[in-house]
Amino acid sequence: MTAPDPVSAPLEANDPRRARALKAKIRDRVSDVRRHLLALRTAMAATAEQVHESALIVVGNFPSFYDAYRAWIKHGFAPQP
């Protein structure tokens, strides 16, 4: 038993050169999408790292900032020397 021959796409049957060009364009677009997704993932990872670093800075400086803010409130929002 043999498998039947695959059916050609109409464009391939009528204009093989155009079909090859179209397939090449599709491969190029798929490659572009893949490249953009990889770049997006890289950027997202870098952004997450930057957010984490910023959060550590805020957490590290928050107690002294909050103490100064509470002192300012205690003095009636008067300018501090």
PDB file of N, CA and C in Angstrom:
ATOM      1  N   MET A   1       0.847  -1.175   0.000  1.00  0.00           N
ATOM      2  CA  MET A   1       0.000   0.000   0.000  1.00  0.00           C
ATOM      3  C   MET A   1       0.892   1.238   0.000  1.00  0.00           C
ATOM      4  N   THR A   2       0.601   2.160  -0.874  1.00  0.00           N
ATOM      5  CA  THR A   2       1.389   3.398  -0.948  1.00  0.00           C
ATOM      6  C   THR A   2       0.485   4.577  -0.623  1.00  0.00           C
ATOM      7  N   ALA A   3       1.146   5.597  -0.087  1.00  0.00           N
ATOM      8  CA  ALA A   3       0.391   6.812   0.247  1.00  0.00           C
ATOM      9  C   ALA A   3       0.136   7.596  -1.030  1.00  0.00           C
ATOM     10  N   PRO A   4      -1.012   8.256  -1.085  1.00  0.00           N
ATOM     11  CA  PRO A   4      -1.293   9.054  -2.276  1.00  0.00           C
ATOM     12  C   PRO A   4      -0.341  10.248  -2.333  1.00  0.00           C
ATOM     13  N   ASP A   5      -0.106  10.704  -3.528  1.00  0.00           N
ATOM     14  CA  ASP A   5       0.746  11.883  -3.705  1.00  0.00           C
ATOM     15  C   ASP A   5       0.091  13.082  -3.037  1.00  0.00           C
ATOM     16  N   PRO A   6       0.902  13.907  -2.364  1.00  0.00           N
ATOM     17  CA  PRO A   6       0.315  15.092  -1.732  1.00  0.00           C
ATOM     18  C   PRO A   6      -0.245  16.040  -2.789  1.00  0.00           C
ATOM     19  N   VAL A   7      -1.314  16.681  -2.445  1.00  0.00           N
ATOM     20  CA  VAL A   7      -1.957  17.613  -3.361  1.00  0.00           C
ATOM     21  C   VAL A   7      -1.213  18.941  -3.289  1.00  0.00           C
ATOM     22  N   SER A   8      -0.869  19.454  -4.418  1.00  0.00           N
ATOM     23  CA  SER A   8      -0.179  20.743  -4.465  1.00  0.00           C
ATOM     24  C   SER A   8      -1.152  21.866  -4.186  1.00  0.00           C
ATOM     25  N   ALA A   9      -0.607  22.918  -3.636  1.00  0.00           N
ATOM     26  CA  ALA A   9      -1.421  24.112  -3.468  1.00  0.00           C
ATOM     27  C   ALA A   9      -1.638  24.710  -4.848  1.00  0.00           C
ATOM     28  N   PRO A  10      -2.775  25.360  -5.068  1.00  0.00           N
ATOM     29  CA  PRO A  10      -3.057  25.917  -6.393  1.00  0.00           C
ATOM     30  C   PRO A  10      -1.957  26.863  -6.883  1.00  0.00           C
ATOM     31  N   LEU A  11      -1.401  27.684  -5.993  1.00  0.00           N
ATOM     32  CA  LEU A  11      -0.356  28.615  -6.420  1.00  0.00           C
ATOM     33  C   LEU A  11       0.889  27.854  -6.847  1.00  0.00           C
ATOM     34  N   GLU A  12       1.203  26.785  -6.116  1.00  0.00           N
ATOM     35  CA  GLU A  12       2.374  25.989  -6.456  1.00  0.00           C
ATOM     36  C   GLU A  12       2.198  25.331  -7.825  1.00  0.00           C
ATOM     37  N   ALA A  13       1.005  24.883  -8.096  1.00  0.00           N
ATOM     38  CA  ALA A  13       0.737  24.220  -9.367  1.00  0.00           C
ATOM     39  C   ALA A  13       0.778  25.205 -10.531  1.00  0.00           C
ATOM     40  N   ASN A  14       0.255  26.419 -10.301  1.00  0.00           N
ATOM     41  CA  ASN A  14       0.154  27.399 -11.390  1.00  0.00           C
ATOM     42  C   ASN A  14       1.382  28.283 -11.551  1.00  0.00           C
ATOM     43  N   ASP A  15       2.067  28.584 -10.447  1.00  0.00           N
ATOM     44  CA  ASP A  15       3.211  29.507 -10.504  1.00  0.00           C
ATOM     45  C   ASP A  15       4.225  29.125  -9.425  1.00  0.00           C
ATOM     46  N   PRO A  16       5.028  28.105  -9.687  1.00  0.00           N
ATOM     47  CA  PRO A  16       5.957  27.597  -8.677  1.00  0.00           C
ATOM     48  C   PRO A  16       6.956  28.654  -8.180  1.00  0.00           C
ATOM     49  N   ARG A  17       7.391  29.517  -9.080  1.00  0.00           N
ATOM     50  CA  ARG A  17       8.367  30.546  -8.686  1.00  0.00           C
ATOM     51  C   ARG A  17       7.739  31.524  -7.698  1.00  0.00           C
ATOM     52  N   ARG A  18       6.517  31.925  -7.957  1.00  0.00           N
ATOM     53  CA  ARG A  18       5.812  32.834  -7.048  1.00  0.00           C
ATOM     54  C   ARG A  18       5.537  32.143  -5.717  1.00  0.00           C
ATOM     55  N   ALA A  19       5.204  30.860  -5.754  1.00  0.00           N
ATOM     56  CA  ALA A  19       4.959  30.104  -4.529  1.00  0.00           C
ATOM     57  C   ALA A  19       6.228  30.050  -3.677  1.00  0.00           C
ATOM     58  N   ARG A  20       7.391  29.829  -4.304  1.00  0.00           N
ATOM     59  CA  ARG A  20       8.658  29.816  -3.561  1.00  0.00           C
ATOM     60  C   ARG A  20       8.934  31.177  -2.940  1.00  0.00           C
ATOM     61  N   ALA A  21       8.678  32.234  -3.679  1.00  0.00           N
ATOM     62  CA  ALA A  21       8.899  33.590  -3.156  1.00  0.00           C
ATOM     63  C   ALA A  21       7.978  33.868  -1.976  1.00  0.00           C
ATOM     64  N   LEU A  22       6.728  33.443  -2.083  1.00  0.00           N
ATOM     65  CA  LEU A  22       5.769  33.641  -0.998  1.00  0.00           C
ATOM     66  C   LEU A  22       6.185  32.863   0.246  1.00  0.00           C
ATOM     67  N   LYS A  23       6.614  31.610   0.046  1.00  0.00           N
ATOM     68  CA  LYS A  23       7.081  30.809   1.176  1.00  0.00           C
ATOM     69  C   LYS A  23       8.296  31.460   1.843  1.00  0.00           C
ATOM     70  N   ALA A  24       9.193  32.005   1.047  1.00  0.00           N
ATOM     71  CA  ALA A  24      10.376  32.674   1.607  1.00  0.00           C
ATOM     72  C   ALA A  24       9.965  33.895   2.431  1.00  0.00           C
ATOM     73  N   LYS A  25       8.988  34.656   1.922  1.00  0.00           N
ATOM     74  CA  LYS A  25       8.506  35.821   2.675  1.00  0.00           C
ATOM     75  C   LYS A  25       7.880  35.398   3.998  1.00  0.00           C
ATOM     76  N   ILE A  26       7.113  34.319   3.965  1.00  0.00           N
ATOM     77  CA  ILE A  26       6.474  33.828   5.193  1.00  0.00           C
ATOM     78  C   ILE A  26       7.540  33.378   6.190  1.00  0.00           C
ATOM     79  N   ARG A  27       8.558  32.648   5.698  1.00  0.00           N
ATOM     80  CA  ARG A  27       9.647  32.232   6.595  1.00  0.00           C
ATOM     81  C   ARG A  27      10.346  33.448   7.199  1.00  0.00           C
ATOM     82  N   ASP A  28      10.558  34.486   6.394  1.00  0.00           N
ATOM     83  CA  ASP A  28      11.189  35.715   6.892  1.00  0.00           C
ATOM     84  C   ASP A  28      10.337  36.363   7.985  1.00  0.00           C
ATOM     85  N   ARG A  29       9.022  36.426   7.772  1.00  0.00           N
ATOM     86  CA  ARG A  29       8.134  37.056   8.768  1.00  0.00           C
ATOM     87  C   ARG A  29       8.125  36.253  10.058  1.00  0.00           C
ATOM     88  N   VAL A  30       8.087  34.920   9.938  1.00  0.00           N
ATOM     89  CA  VAL A  30       8.113  34.069  11.135  1.00  0.00           C
ATOM     90  C   VAL A  30       9.433  34.278  11.876  1.00  0.00           C
ATOM     91  N   SER A  31      10.515  34.377  11.136  1.00  0.00           N
ATOM     92  CA  SER A  31      11.820  34.634  11.746  1.00  0.00           C
ATOM     93  C   SER A  31      11.836  35.991  12.446  1.00  0.00           C
ATOM     94  N   ASP A  32      11.232  37.006  11.816  1.00  0.00           N
ATOM     95  CA  ASP A  32      11.149  38.345  12.433  1.00  0.00           C
ATOM     96  C   ASP A  32      10.354  38.301  13.730  1.00  0.00           C
ATOM     97  N   VAL A  33       9.228  37.596  13.717  1.00  0.00           N
ATOM     98  CA  VAL A  33       8.395  37.495  14.922  1.00  0.00           C
ATOM     99  C   VAL A  33       9.184  36.807  16.028  1.00  0.00           C
ATOM    100  N   ARG A  34       9.885  35.745  15.690  1.00  0.00           N
ATOM    101  CA  ARG A  34      10.693  35.031  16.692  1.00  0.00           C
ATOM    102  C   ARG A  34      11.759  35.957  17.272  1.00  0.00           C
ATOM    103  N   ARG A  35      12.446  36.695  16.416  1.00  0.00           N
ATOM    104  CA  ARG A  35      13.490  37.620  16.864  1.00  0.00           C
ATOM    105  C   ARG A  35      12.909  38.688  17.782  1.00  0.00           C
ATOM    106  N   HIS A  36      11.744  39.226  17.420  1.00  0.00           N
ATOM    107  CA  HIS A  36      11.105  40.251  18.250  1.00  0.00           C
ATOM    108  C   HIS A  36      10.647  39.688  19.595  1.00  0.00           C
ATOM    109  N   LEU A  37      10.148  38.470  19.605  1.00  0.00           N
ATOM    110  CA  LEU A  37       9.741  37.846  20.870  1.00  0.00           C
ATOM    111  C   LEU A  37      10.942  37.632  21.786  1.00  0.00           C
ATOM    112  N   LEU A  38      12.051  37.191  21.219  1.00  0.00           N
ATOM    113  CA  LEU A  38      13.258  37.018  22.026  1.00  0.00           C
ATOM    114  C   LEU A  38      13.730  38.351  22.595  1.00  0.00           C
ATOM    115  N   ALA A  39      13.691  39.410  21.783  1.00  0.00           N
ATOM    116  CA  ALA A  39      14.090  40.736  22.256  1.00  0.00           C
ATOM    117  C   ALA A  39      13.146  41.222  23.351  1.00  0.00           C
ATOM    118  N   LEU A  40      11.864  40.972  23.176  1.00  0.00           N
ATOM    119  CA  LEU A  40      10.877  41.379  24.183  1.00  0.00           C
ATOM    120  C   LEU A  40      11.114  40.652  25.499  1.00  0.00           C
ATOM    121  N   ARG A  41      11.364  39.353  25.429  1.00  0.00           N
ATOM    122  CA  ARG A  41      11.641  38.589  26.652  1.00  0.00           C
ATOM    123  C   ARG A  41      12.890  39.108  27.358  1.00  0.00           C
ATOM    124  N   THR A  42      13.917  39.437  26.588  1.00  0.00           N
ATOM    125  CA  THR A  42      15.150  39.971  27.165  1.00  0.00           C
ATOM    126  C   THR A  42      14.885  41.307  27.833  1.00  0.00           C
ATOM    127  N   ALA A  43      14.135  42.168  27.168  1.00  0.00           N
ATOM    128  CA  ALA A  43      13.821  43.484  27.734  1.00  0.00           C
ATOM    129  C   ALA A  43      12.979  43.346  28.991  1.00  0.00           C
ATOM    130  N   MET A  44      12.040  42.425  28.983  1.00  0.00           N
ATOM    131  CA  MET A  44      11.186  42.228  30.154  1.00  0.00           C
ATOM    132  C   MET A  44      12.014  41.740  31.341  1.00  0.00           C
ATOM    133  N   ALA A  45      12.963  40.849  31.084  1.00  0.00           N
ATOM    134  CA  ALA A  45      13.813  40.349  32.165  1.00  0.00           C
ATOM    135  C   ALA A  45      14.676  41.477  32.716  1.00  0.00           C
ATOM    136  N   ALA A  46      15.227  42.309  31.826  1.00  0.00           N
ATOM    137  CA  ALA A  46      16.049  43.430  32.279  1.00  0.00           C
ATOM    138  C   ALA A  46      15.211  44.413  33.078  1.00  0.00           C
ATOM    139  N   THR A  47      13.989  44.675  32.636  1.00  0.00           N
ATOM    140  CA  THR A  47      13.101  45.590  33.339  1.00  0.00           C
ATOM    141  C   THR A  47      12.761  45.040  34.722  1.00  0.00           C
ATOM    142  N   ALA A  48      12.515  43.745  34.818  1.00  0.00           N
ATOM    143  CA  ALA A  48      12.199  43.132  36.108  1.00  0.00           C
ATOM    144  C   ALA A  48      13.379  43.283  37.068  1.00  0.00           C
ATOM    145  N   GLU A  49      14.589  43.110  36.560  1.00  0.00           N
ATOM    146  CA  GLU A  49      15.775  43.275  37.398  1.00  0.00           C
ATOM    147  C   GLU A  49      15.901  44.722  37.877  1.00  0.00           C
ATOM    148  N   GLN A  50      15.627  45.671  36.980  1.00  0.00           N
ATOM    149  CA  GLN A  50      15.714  47.084  37.355  1.00  0.00           C
ATOM    150  C   GLN A  50      14.661  47.428  38.402  1.00  0.00           C
ATOM    151  N   VAL A  51      13.471  46.898  38.259  1.00  0.00           N
ATOM    152  CA  VAL A  51      12.407  47.153  39.237  1.00  0.00           C
ATOM    153  C   VAL A  51      12.820  46.571  40.591  1.00  0.00           C
ATOM    154  N   HIS A  52      13.388  45.388  40.570  1.00  0.00           N
ATOM    155  CA  HIS A  52      13.824  44.759  41.812  1.00  0.00           C
ATOM    156  C   HIS A  52      14.920  45.596  42.481  1.00  0.00           C
ATOM    157  N   GLU A  53      15.888  46.068  41.694  1.00  0.00           N
ATOM    158  CA  GLU A  53      16.958  46.906  42.243  1.00  0.00           C
ATOM    159  C   GLU A  53      16.377  48.192  42.824  1.00  0.00           C
ATOM    160  N   SER A  54      15.439  48.805  42.125  1.00  0.00           N
ATOM    161  CA  SER A  54      14.809  50.036  42.613  1.00  0.00           C
ATOM    162  C   SER A  54      14.048  49.778  43.905  1.00  0.00           C
ATOM    163  N   ALA A  55      13.356  48.663  43.972  1.00  0.00           N
ATOM    164  CA  ALA A  55      12.611  48.327  45.183  1.00  0.00           C
ATOM    165  C   ALA A  55      13.557  48.156  46.365  1.00  0.00           C
ATOM    166  N   LEU A  56      14.706  47.539  46.127  1.00  0.00           N
ATOM    167  CA  LEU A  56      15.681  47.376  47.213  1.00  0.00           C
ATOM    168  C   LEU A  56      16.199  48.731  47.694  1.00  0.00           C
ATOM    169  N   ILE A  57      16.401  49.659  46.772  1.00  0.00           N
ATOM    170  CA  ILE A  57      16.848  51.006  47.152  1.00  0.00           C
ATOM    171  C   ILE A  57      15.776  51.692  47.990  1.00  0.00           C
ATOM    172  N   VAL A  58      14.530  51.607  47.550  1.00  0.00           N
ATOM    173  CA  VAL A  58      13.428  52.239  48.291  1.00  0.00           C
ATOM    174  C   VAL A  58      13.314  51.625  49.682  1.00  0.00           C
ATOM    175  N   VAL A  59      13.339  50.309  49.747  1.00  0.00           N
ATOM    176  CA  VAL A  59      13.213  49.636  51.043  1.00  0.00           C
ATOM    177  C   VAL A  59      14.388  50.005  51.945  1.00  0.00           C
ATOM    178  N   GLY A  60      15.563  50.107  51.381  1.00  0.00           N
ATOM    179  CA  GLY A  60      16.741  50.455  52.164  1.00  0.00           C
ATOM    180  C   GLY A  60      16.701  51.867  52.711  1.00  0.00           C
ATOM    181  N   ASN A  61      16.078  52.781  51.971  1.00  0.00           N
ATOM    182  CA  ASN A  61      16.045  54.186  52.379  1.00  0.00           C
ATOM    183  C   ASN A  61      14.735  54.592  53.045  1.00  0.00           C
ATOM    184  N   PHE A  62      13.741  53.737  53.018  1.00  0.00           N
ATOM    185  CA  PHE A  62      12.434  54.118  53.525  1.00  0.00           C
ATOM    186  C   PHE A  62      12.431  54.474  55.007  1.00  0.00           C
ATOM    187  N   PRO A  63      13.072  53.685  55.885  1.00  0.00           N
ATOM    188  CA  PRO A  63      13.000  54.027  57.315  1.00  0.00           C
ATOM    189  C   PRO A  63      13.521  55.436  57.618  1.00  0.00           C
ATOM    190  N   SER A  64      14.650  55.824  57.064  1.00  0.00           N
ATOM    191  CA  SER A  64      15.174  57.168  57.339  1.00  0.00           C
ATOM    192  C   SER A  64      14.266  58.243  56.737  1.00  0.00           C
ATOM    193  N   PHE A  65      13.719  57.983  55.540  1.00  0.00           N
ATOM    194  CA  PHE A  65      12.795  58.939  54.934  1.00  0.00           C
ATOM    195  C   PHE A  65      11.546  59.090  55.797  1.00  0.00           C
ATOM    196  N   TYR A  66      11.002  57.956  56.257  1.00  0.00           N
ATOM    197  CA  TYR A  66       9.775  57.990  57.046  1.00  0.00           C
ATOM    198  C   TYR A  66      10.008  58.705  58.375  1.00  0.00           C
ATOM    199  N   ASP A  67      11.160  58.462  59.009  1.00  0.00           N
ATOM    200  CA  ASP A  67      11.481  59.153  60.265  1.00  0.00           C
ATOM    201  C   ASP A  67      11.547  60.660  60.042  1.00  0.00           C
ATOM    202  N   ALA A  68      12.176  61.073  58.956  1.00  0.00           N
ATOM    203  CA  ALA A  68      12.272  62.510  58.652  1.00  0.00           C
ATOM    204  C   ALA A  68      10.886  63.087  58.366  1.00  0.00           C
ATOM    205  N   TYR A  69      10.062  62.346  57.674  1.00  0.00           N
ATOM    206  CA  TYR A  69       8.705  62.797  57.363  1.00  0.00           C
ATOM    207  C   TYR A  69       7.883  62.961  58.640  1.00  0.00           C
ATOM    208  N   ARG A  70       7.988  61.981  59.546  1.00  0.00           N
ATOM    209  CA  ARG A  70       7.259  62.068  60.814  1.00  0.00           C
ATOM    210  C   ARG A  70       7.730  63.273  61.635  1.00  0.00           C
ATOM    211  N   ALA A  71       9.026  63.543  61.628  1.00  0.00           N
ATOM    212  CA  ALA A  71       9.552  64.706  62.357  1.00  0.00           C
ATOM    213  C   ALA A  71       9.018  65.991  61.738  1.00  0.00           C
ATOM    214  N   TRP A  72       8.926  66.023  60.413  1.00  0.00           N
ATOM    215  CA  TRP A  72       8.424  67.215  59.712  1.00  0.00           C
ATOM    216  C   TRP A  72       6.956  67.447  60.092  1.00  0.00           C
ATOM    217  N   ILE A  73       6.167  66.362  60.126  1.00  0.00           N
ATOM    218  CA  ILE A  73       4.758  66.476  60.520  1.00  0.00           C
ATOM    219  C   ILE A  73       4.663  66.983  61.969  1.00  0.00           C
ATOM    220  N   LYS A  74       5.514  66.429  62.828  1.00  0.00           N
ATOM    221  CA  LYS A  74       5.498  66.813  64.234  1.00  0.00           C
ATOM    222  C   LYS A  74       5.778  68.314  64.405  1.00  0.00           C
ATOM    223  N   HIS A  75       6.578  68.873  63.511  1.00  0.00           N
ATOM    224  CA  HIS A  75       6.901  70.302  63.567  1.00  0.00           C
ATOM    225  C   HIS A  75       5.911  71.133  62.752  1.00  0.00           C
ATOM    226  N   GLY A  76       4.786  70.588  62.439  1.00  0.00           N
ATOM    227  CA  GLY A  76       3.755  71.335  61.733  1.00  0.00           C
ATOM    228  C   GLY A  76       4.105  71.680  60.297  1.00  0.00           C
ATOM    229  N   PHE A  77       4.835  70.804  59.632  1.00  0.00           N
ATOM    230  CA  PHE A  77       5.229  70.994  58.236  1.00  0.00           C
ATOM    231  C   PHE A  77       6.118  72.220  58.027  1.00  0.00           C
ATOM    232  N   ALA A  78       6.759  72.637  59.090  1.00  0.00           N
ATOM    233  CA  ALA A  78       7.652  73.799  58.972  1.00  0.00           C
ATOM    234  C   ALA A  78       8.934  73.365  58.242  1.00  0.00           C
ATOM    235  N   PRO A  79       9.527  74.306  57.517  1.00  0.00           N
ATOM    236  CA  PRO A  79      10.777  73.962  56.822  1.00  0.00           C
ATOM    237  C   PRO A  79      11.833  73.543  57.857  1.00  0.00           C
ATOM    238  N   GLN A  80      12.586  72.540  57.519  1.00  0.00           N
ATOM    239  CA  GLN A  80      13.636  72.040  58.394  1.00  0.00           C
ATOM    240  C   GLN A  80      14.958  72.718  58.029  1.00  0.00           C
ATOM    241  N   PRO A  81      15.743  73.058  59.050  1.00  0.00           N
ATOM    242  CA  PRO A  81      17.048  73.689  58.776  1.00  0.00           C
ATOM    243  C   PRO A  81      18.001  72.716  58.129  1.00  0.00           C
TER     244      PRO A  81
END
